[in-house]
Protein backbone atom coordinates (compact mmCIF):
# COMPACT_ATOMS: atom_id res chain seq x y z
CA MET A 1 -7.33 -7.53 -13.25
CA LYS A 2 -8.16 -5.43 -10.23
CA ASN A 3 -10.23 -2.26 -10.70
CA VAL A 4 -9.22 -1.76 -14.36
CA ASP A 5 -11.80 -1.35 -17.12
CA MET A 6 -10.49 -1.03 -20.68
CA ASN A 7 -12.49 -0.05 -23.73
CA VAL A 8 -11.35 0.37 -27.35
CA ASN A 9 -13.27 2.71 -29.65
CA GLY A 10 -11.63 2.84 -33.09
CA ASN A 11 -7.96 3.50 -32.36
CA ILE A 12 -8.54 4.99 -28.90
CA LEU A 13 -7.96 2.93 -25.73
CA THR A 14 -9.81 4.23 -22.67
CA ILE A 15 -8.82 2.99 -19.21
CA LYS A 16 -11.11 3.49 -16.21
CA VAL A 17 -9.84 3.17 -12.63
CA ASP A 18 -11.85 3.97 -9.48
CA LEU A 19 -9.33 5.92 -7.39
CA SER A 20 -11.35 5.35 -4.21
CA MET A 21 -10.61 1.60 -4.23
CA ASN A 22 -7.96 -0.01 -2.02
CA PHE A 23 -6.59 -3.54 -2.42
CA GLY A 24 -4.15 -3.42 0.49
CA LYS A 25 -0.39 -3.29 0.65
CA SER A 26 1.91 -4.35 -2.17
CA SER A 27 4.13 -7.39 -1.72
CA SER A 28 7.00 -5.13 -0.61
CA GLY A 29 4.72 -3.28 1.82
CA LYS A 30 5.91 0.10 0.54
CA SER A 31 2.74 1.09 -1.31
CA THR A 32 -1.03 0.56 -1.34
CA ILE A 33 -2.55 -0.92 -4.50
CA ILE A 34 -5.45 0.96 -6.11
CA ALA A 35 -5.57 -0.92 -9.44
CA SER A 36 -3.50 -3.40 -11.41
CA THR A 37 -3.60 -5.46 -14.57
CA GLU A 38 -1.61 -8.04 -12.55
CA GLY A 39 1.02 -8.37 -15.26
CA ASN A 40 0.84 -7.77 -18.98
CA GLN A 41 -2.62 -8.22 -20.51
CA SER A 42 -3.92 -8.05 -24.07
CA ILE A 43 -5.94 -5.03 -25.14
CA PRO A 44 -9.59 -6.04 -25.83
CA GLY A 45 -9.91 -7.00 -29.51
CA ASN A 46 -6.15 -6.60 -30.10
CA GLU A 47 -4.37 -9.71 -28.84
CA ASN A 48 -0.97 -8.51 -30.15
CA ILE A 49 -1.06 -5.27 -28.14
CA LYS A 50 -0.26 -5.60 -24.44
CA ILE A 51 -0.61 -3.34 -21.41
CA GLY A 52 0.90 -3.52 -17.93
CA LEU A 53 -0.64 -1.08 -15.45
CA ASN A 54 -0.16 -0.43 -11.74
CA VAL A 55 -1.88 2.42 -9.87
CA TYR A 56 -0.77 2.89 -6.26
CA THR A 57 -0.08 5.31 -3.42
CA LYS A 58 3.11 5.45 -1.36
C-alpha cells in the first residue's frame, strides 16, 4: 500500500492518508496518485472484509 494507514477500533475502520504526498502519474497519465491500496486488501484483523482505495488528483 502507498500512503494508506488503516486502524480498526471495535467496529470502526479509520483510514489515514497524507494528502501532501505524491506518487507520480497514474498508468493512464490522466491523474496523479496520492494514495492507493494497490488493489483489494484485507482490513486489519478481518481477513474476510476487503477494501480497494485510490486517492488522486486530475
